[in-house]
Amino acid sequence: MIEIEVQNETNQSQERIRFAAVPRIGEGLRLRGPDGMWASFDVMDVWYQKADFGDLWVPYIHVRMTSDEEADSSSPIVEEEIVAPTVVDEIVPEDLFGEEDESEVMHEGYASLGI
């Protein structure tokens, strides 16, 4: 694992993160922001500085939030009002089919029997 100092232009922060490989310029990364949410970042610059100890060069990267993510995070969250669906007038079967309801036909039959 390679420990890299990440300088975040969007949040104006610096932190050390371990990577398996040094990311290249233009490559995208998913990093967690100070608000705890994950976001996409683009690598703007990669450079190496000599460490304070030994003959070792330490990688640094400069990142900026991806333009799509930046647009999403900068716009305020608007809560939409949830509207209940309107109640449709009750549909009577005879209106649908142009015929009488079967129950009415049955009642007429019973009436003719005197029941």
N, C-alpha and C. Protein backbone atom coordinates (compact mmCIF):
# COMPACT_ATOMS: atom_id res chain seq x y z
N MET A 1 0.85 -1.18 0.00
CA MET A 1 0.00 0.00 0.00
C MET A 1 0.89 1.24 0.00
N ILE A 2 0.45 2.21 -0.78
CA ILE A 2 1.19 3.46 -0.89
C ILE A 2 0.38 4.55 -0.20
N GLU A 3 0.98 5.23 0.74
CA GLU A 3 0.30 6.32 1.42
C GLU A 3 0.52 7.60 0.62
N ILE A 4 -0.59 8.22 0.20
CA ILE A 4 -0.52 9.41 -0.66
C ILE A 4 -1.24 10.55 0.04
N GLU A 5 -0.64 11.72 -0.01
CA GLU A 5 -1.33 12.89 0.52
C GLU A 5 -2.23 13.44 -0.57
N VAL A 6 -3.51 13.56 -0.23
CA VAL A 6 -4.52 14.05 -1.18
C VAL A 6 -4.86 15.48 -0.80
N GLN A 7 -4.64 16.39 -1.72
CA GLN A 7 -5.00 17.78 -1.51
C GLN A 7 -6.28 18.04 -2.30
N ASN A 8 -7.35 18.29 -1.57
CA ASN A 8 -8.68 18.43 -2.17
C ASN A 8 -8.99 19.90 -2.40
N GLU A 9 -9.07 20.29 -3.66
CA GLU A 9 -9.34 21.68 -4.03
C GLU A 9 -10.77 22.08 -3.68
N THR A 10 -11.70 21.18 -3.83
CA THR A 10 -13.11 21.49 -3.59
C THR A 10 -13.36 21.80 -2.12
N ASN A 11 -12.83 20.96 -1.23
CA ASN A 11 -13.07 21.12 0.20
C ASN A 11 -11.95 21.87 0.92
N GLN A 12 -10.90 22.22 0.19
CA GLN A 12 -9.72 22.88 0.77
C GLN A 12 -9.21 22.08 1.99
N SER A 13 -8.99 20.79 1.74
CA SER A 13 -8.52 19.91 2.82
C SER A 13 -7.34 19.07 2.34
N GLN A 14 -6.61 18.53 3.30
CA GLN A 14 -5.50 17.61 3.01
C GLN A 14 -5.65 16.41 3.92
N GLU A 15 -5.45 15.23 3.34
CA GLU A 15 -5.49 14.01 4.14
C GLU A 15 -4.62 12.95 3.49
N ARG A 16 -4.18 12.00 4.28
CA ARG A 16 -3.36 10.90 3.76
C ARG A 16 -4.24 9.67 3.61
N ILE A 17 -4.20 9.10 2.41
CA ILE A 17 -5.01 7.92 2.10
C ILE A 17 -4.09 6.86 1.49
N ARG A 18 -4.37 5.61 1.79
CA ARG A 18 -3.57 4.51 1.24
C ARG A 18 -4.20 4.01 -0.06
N PHE A 19 -3.36 3.87 -1.07
CA PHE A 19 -3.79 3.38 -2.38
C PHE A 19 -2.95 2.16 -2.75
N ALA A 20 -3.48 1.34 -3.63
CA ALA A 20 -2.73 0.20 -4.16
C ALA A 20 -1.77 0.67 -5.25
N ALA A 21 -2.15 1.74 -5.96
CA ALA A 21 -1.31 2.31 -7.02
C ALA A 21 -1.53 3.82 -7.04
N VAL A 22 -0.55 4.54 -7.55
CA VAL A 22 -0.68 5.99 -7.64
C VAL A 22 -1.61 6.32 -8.80
N PRO A 23 -2.71 7.05 -8.54
CA PRO A 23 -3.62 7.41 -9.62
C PRO A 23 -2.95 8.37 -10.61
N ARG A 24 -3.41 8.32 -11.85
CA ARG A 24 -2.86 9.17 -12.90
C ARG A 24 -3.70 10.43 -13.06
N ILE A 25 -3.14 11.44 -13.71
CA ILE A 25 -3.86 12.67 -13.99
C ILE A 25 -5.05 12.34 -14.89
N GLY A 26 -6.21 12.90 -14.54
CA GLY A 26 -7.44 12.67 -15.30
C GLY A 26 -8.23 11.47 -14.82
N GLU A 27 -7.66 10.66 -13.97
CA GLU A 27 -8.35 9.48 -13.46
C GLU A 27 -9.39 9.91 -12.43
N GLY A 28 -10.46 9.17 -12.33
CA GLY A 28 -11.52 9.48 -11.37
C GLY A 28 -11.37 8.66 -10.10
N LEU A 29 -11.74 9.26 -8.98
CA LEU A 29 -11.69 8.60 -7.67
C LEU A 29 -13.01 8.82 -6.96
N ARG A 30 -13.36 7.89 -6.09
CA ARG A 30 -14.50 8.09 -5.19
C ARG A 30 -13.91 8.32 -3.81
N LEU A 31 -14.16 9.48 -3.25
CA LEU A 31 -13.66 9.83 -1.93
C LEU A 31 -14.82 10.29 -1.06
N ARG A 32 -14.65 10.11 0.24
CA ARG A 32 -15.67 10.55 1.18
C ARG A 32 -15.38 11.99 1.57
N GLY A 33 -16.39 12.83 1.47
CA GLY A 33 -16.25 14.24 1.80
C GLY A 33 -16.36 14.48 3.29
N PRO A 34 -16.17 15.72 3.72
CA PRO A 34 -16.27 16.05 5.14
C PRO A 34 -17.68 15.83 5.71
N ASP A 35 -18.68 15.82 4.83
CA ASP A 35 -20.05 15.58 5.28
C ASP A 35 -20.37 14.09 5.41
N GLY A 36 -19.39 13.22 5.07
CA GLY A 36 -19.59 11.78 5.19
C GLY A 36 -20.16 11.13 3.95
N MET A 37 -20.49 11.91 2.93
CA MET A 37 -21.07 11.39 1.70
C MET A 37 -19.96 11.11 0.69
N TRP A 38 -20.14 10.06 -0.11
CA TRP A 38 -19.17 9.73 -1.15
C TRP A 38 -19.42 10.58 -2.38
N ALA A 39 -18.34 10.98 -3.05
CA ALA A 39 -18.46 11.80 -4.26
C ALA A 39 -17.34 11.44 -5.22
N SER A 40 -17.53 11.80 -6.49
CA SER A 40 -16.52 11.54 -7.52
C SER A 40 -15.58 12.73 -7.62
N PHE A 41 -14.29 12.43 -7.71
CA PHE A 41 -13.27 13.46 -7.84
C PHE A 41 -12.36 13.11 -9.01
N ASP A 42 -11.84 14.14 -9.67
CA ASP A 42 -10.89 13.96 -10.76
C ASP A 42 -9.50 14.34 -10.26
N VAL A 43 -8.49 13.56 -10.66
CA VAL A 43 -7.10 13.85 -10.31
C VAL A 43 -6.61 14.95 -11.25
N MET A 44 -6.25 16.08 -10.68
CA MET A 44 -5.80 17.23 -11.46
C MET A 44 -4.28 17.25 -11.65
N ASP A 45 -3.55 16.76 -10.64
CA ASP A 45 -2.10 16.83 -10.69
C ASP A 45 -1.52 15.73 -9.81
N VAL A 46 -0.38 15.20 -10.22
CA VAL A 46 0.37 14.20 -9.44
C VAL A 46 1.82 14.66 -9.40
N TRP A 47 2.42 14.68 -8.22
CA TRP A 47 3.84 15.03 -8.12
C TRP A 47 4.46 14.28 -6.95
N TYR A 48 5.76 14.26 -6.93
CA TYR A 48 6.51 13.55 -5.90
C TYR A 48 7.44 14.54 -5.21
N GLN A 49 7.55 14.41 -3.89
CA GLN A 49 8.48 15.22 -3.12
C GLN A 49 9.36 14.29 -2.31
N LYS A 50 10.59 14.72 -2.13
CA LYS A 50 11.53 13.91 -1.36
C LYS A 50 11.13 13.95 0.11
N ALA A 51 11.11 12.79 0.73
CA ALA A 51 10.73 12.67 2.14
C ALA A 51 11.81 13.27 3.03
N ASP A 52 11.41 13.59 4.26
CA ASP A 52 12.35 14.16 5.24
C ASP A 52 13.40 13.14 5.66
N PHE A 53 13.11 11.88 5.51
CA PHE A 53 14.03 10.83 5.93
C PHE A 53 14.43 9.98 4.73
N GLY A 54 15.64 9.58 4.67
CA GLY A 54 16.14 8.65 3.64
C GLY A 54 16.05 9.19 2.23
N ASP A 55 16.22 8.29 1.29
CA ASP A 55 16.19 8.63 -0.13
C ASP A 55 14.87 8.13 -0.72
N LEU A 56 13.78 8.71 -0.25
CA LEU A 56 12.44 8.24 -0.59
C LEU A 56 11.62 9.39 -1.16
N TRP A 57 10.87 9.13 -2.23
CA TRP A 57 10.01 10.13 -2.85
C TRP A 57 8.56 9.80 -2.53
N VAL A 58 7.85 10.78 -1.99
CA VAL A 58 6.47 10.60 -1.54
C VAL A 58 5.52 11.20 -2.58
N PRO A 59 4.49 10.42 -3.02
CA PRO A 59 3.54 10.96 -4.01
C PRO A 59 2.48 11.87 -3.37
N TYR A 60 2.09 12.87 -4.12
CA TYR A 60 1.01 13.78 -3.74
C TYR A 60 0.05 13.86 -4.93
N ILE A 61 -1.24 14.00 -4.63
CA ILE A 61 -2.20 14.21 -5.72
C ILE A 61 -3.08 15.40 -5.36
N HIS A 62 -3.52 16.09 -6.39
CA HIS A 62 -4.40 17.23 -6.25
C HIS A 62 -5.71 16.84 -6.92
N VAL A 63 -6.82 16.87 -6.18
CA VAL A 63 -8.11 16.44 -6.73
C VAL A 63 -9.13 17.57 -6.68
N ARG A 64 -10.12 17.46 -7.56
CA ARG A 64 -11.24 18.40 -7.59
C ARG A 64 -12.50 17.60 -7.88
N MET A 65 -13.61 18.00 -7.27
CA MET A 65 -14.86 17.29 -7.47
C MET A 65 -15.25 17.32 -8.94
N THR A 66 -15.74 16.19 -9.44
CA THR A 66 -16.20 16.09 -10.82
C THR A 66 -17.30 17.11 -11.04
N SER A 67 -17.32 17.73 -12.20
CA SER A 67 -18.26 18.82 -12.47
C SER A 67 -19.72 18.40 -12.29
N ASP A 68 -20.07 17.17 -12.66
CA ASP A 68 -21.45 16.69 -12.47
C ASP A 68 -21.81 16.62 -11.00
N GLU A 69 -20.89 16.09 -10.18
CA GLU A 69 -21.12 15.98 -8.75
C GLU A 69 -21.20 17.36 -8.11
N GLU A 70 -20.36 18.26 -8.57
CA GLU A 70 -20.32 19.61 -8.01
C GLU A 70 -21.64 20.32 -8.26
N ALA A 71 -22.19 20.14 -9.45
CA ALA A 71 -23.47 20.77 -9.78
C ALA A 71 -24.58 20.19 -8.92
N ASP A 72 -24.54 18.88 -8.67
CA ASP A 72 -25.56 18.24 -7.85
C ASP A 72 -25.47 18.69 -6.40
N SER A 73 -24.25 18.83 -5.88
CA SER A 73 -24.09 19.17 -4.47
C SER A 73 -24.32 20.65 -4.21
N SER A 74 -24.13 21.51 -5.23
CA SER A 74 -24.30 22.93 -5.00
C SER A 74 -25.76 23.36 -5.07
N SER A 75 -26.58 22.57 -5.77
CA SER A 75 -27.99 22.94 -5.87
C SER A 75 -28.71 22.54 -4.59
N PRO A 76 -29.55 23.43 -4.07
CA PRO A 76 -30.27 23.10 -2.84
C PRO A 76 -31.26 21.98 -3.07
N ILE A 77 -31.49 21.21 -2.04
CA ILE A 77 -32.44 20.10 -2.15
C ILE A 77 -33.84 20.68 -1.99
N VAL A 78 -34.66 20.44 -2.98
CA VAL A 78 -36.03 20.94 -2.97
C VAL A 78 -36.95 19.77 -2.68
N GLU A 79 -37.70 19.89 -1.61
CA GLU A 79 -38.64 18.83 -1.28
C GLU A 79 -39.94 19.10 -2.03
N GLU A 80 -40.36 18.11 -2.79
CA GLU A 80 -41.60 18.26 -3.54
C GLU A 80 -42.76 17.83 -2.68
N GLU A 81 -43.85 18.54 -2.83
CA GLU A 81 -45.05 18.21 -2.09
C GLU A 81 -45.69 16.98 -2.73
N ILE A 82 -46.04 16.02 -1.91
CA ILE A 82 -46.68 14.81 -2.42
C ILE A 82 -48.18 15.06 -2.45
N VAL A 83 -48.75 14.92 -3.61
CA VAL A 83 -50.18 15.18 -3.80
C VAL A 83 -50.88 13.85 -3.96
N ALA A 84 -51.95 13.67 -3.19
CA ALA A 84 -52.73 12.44 -3.30
C ALA A 84 -53.48 12.44 -4.62
N PRO A 85 -53.63 11.28 -5.23
CA PRO A 85 -54.36 11.22 -6.50
C PRO A 85 -55.82 11.62 -6.28
N THR A 86 -56.40 12.23 -7.29
CA THR A 86 -57.79 12.65 -7.17
C THR A 86 -58.70 11.43 -7.24
N VAL A 87 -59.79 11.51 -6.55
CA VAL A 87 -60.74 10.40 -6.53
C VAL A 87 -61.58 10.47 -7.80
N VAL A 88 -61.62 9.37 -8.52
CA VAL A 88 -62.40 9.29 -9.75
C VAL A 88 -63.82 8.89 -9.37
N ASP A 89 -64.78 9.52 -10.01
CA ASP A 89 -66.18 9.15 -9.74
C ASP A 89 -66.36 7.66 -9.95
N GLU A 90 -67.23 7.08 -9.13
CA GLU A 90 -67.45 5.64 -9.22
C GLU A 90 -68.05 5.30 -10.58
N ILE A 91 -67.50 4.29 -11.18
CA ILE A 91 -67.96 3.88 -12.50
C ILE A 91 -68.96 2.75 -12.32
N VAL A 92 -70.13 2.94 -12.88
CA VAL A 92 -71.18 1.93 -12.78
C VAL A 92 -71.02 0.99 -13.96
N PRO A 93 -71.11 -0.34 -13.74
CA PRO A 93 -70.90 -1.29 -14.82
C PRO A 93 -71.73 -1.03 -16.06
N GLU A 94 -72.98 -0.54 -15.90
CA GLU A 94 -73.79 -0.29 -17.09
C GLU A 94 -73.23 0.85 -17.92
N ASP A 95 -72.49 1.77 -17.26
CA ASP A 95 -71.84 2.85 -18.01
C ASP A 95 -70.70 2.30 -18.86
N LEU A 96 -70.06 1.25 -18.36
CA LEU A 96 -68.92 0.69 -19.07
C LEU A 96 -69.35 -0.12 -20.29
N PHE A 97 -70.36 -0.96 -20.10
CA PHE A 97 -70.71 -1.92 -21.13
C PHE A 97 -72.01 -1.59 -21.85
N GLY A 98 -72.73 -0.61 -21.33
CA GLY A 98 -74.00 -0.27 -21.96
C GLY A 98 -75.08 -1.29 -21.68
N GLU A 99 -74.87 -2.14 -20.69
CA GLU A 99 -75.84 -3.17 -20.34
C GLU A 99 -76.28 -2.98 -18.90
N GLU A 100 -77.35 -3.62 -18.55
CA GLU A 100 -77.82 -3.57 -17.17
C GLU A 100 -76.93 -4.45 -16.30
N ASP A 101 -76.87 -4.12 -15.05
CA ASP A 101 -76.13 -4.91 -14.09
C ASP A 101 -76.86 -6.24 -13.89
N GLU A 102 -76.12 -7.36 -13.79
CA GLU A 102 -76.73 -8.69 -13.65
C GLU A 102 -77.59 -8.78 -12.40
N SER A 103 -77.18 -8.11 -11.33
CA SER A 103 -77.96 -8.20 -10.09
C SER A 103 -79.34 -7.59 -10.27
N GLU A 104 -79.44 -6.53 -11.07
CA GLU A 104 -80.75 -5.93 -11.32
C GLU A 104 -81.63 -6.90 -12.12
N VAL A 105 -81.06 -7.59 -13.07
CA VAL A 105 -81.82 -8.56 -13.87
C VAL A 105 -82.32 -9.67 -12.96
N MET A 106 -81.47 -10.13 -12.01
CA MET A 106 -81.88 -11.20 -11.09
C MET A 106 -83.02 -10.72 -10.21
N HIS A 107 -82.93 -9.48 -9.72
CA HIS A 107 -83.99 -8.96 -8.85
C HIS A 107 -85.32 -8.85 -9.59
N GLU A 108 -85.25 -8.47 -10.86
CA GLU A 108 -86.48 -8.39 -11.65
C GLU A 108 -87.10 -9.78 -11.81
N GLY A 109 -86.24 -10.78 -11.96
CA GLY A 109 -86.73 -12.16 -12.08
C GLY A 109 -87.41 -12.62 -10.81
N TYR A 110 -86.82 -12.30 -9.66
CA TYR A 110 -87.45 -12.67 -8.39
C TYR A 110 -88.76 -11.94 -8.19
N ALA A 111 -88.80 -10.69 -8.66
CA ALA A 111 -90.04 -9.90 -8.50
C ALA A 111 -91.17 -10.52 -9.31
N SER A 112 -90.83 -11.06 -10.49
CA SER A 112 -91.88 -11.67 -11.30
C SER A 112 -92.38 -12.96 -10.67
N LEU A 113 -91.54 -13.59 -9.83
CA LEU A 113 -91.97 -14.80 -9.13
C LEU A 113 -92.74 -14.48 -7.87
N GLY A 114 -92.75 -13.23 -7.49
CA GLY A 114 -93.48 -12.83 -6.29
C GLY A 114 -92.66 -13.01 -5.02
N ILE A 115 -91.37 -13.12 -5.16
CA ILE A 115 -90.50 -13.30 -3.99
C ILE A 115 -90.04 -11.97 -3.46
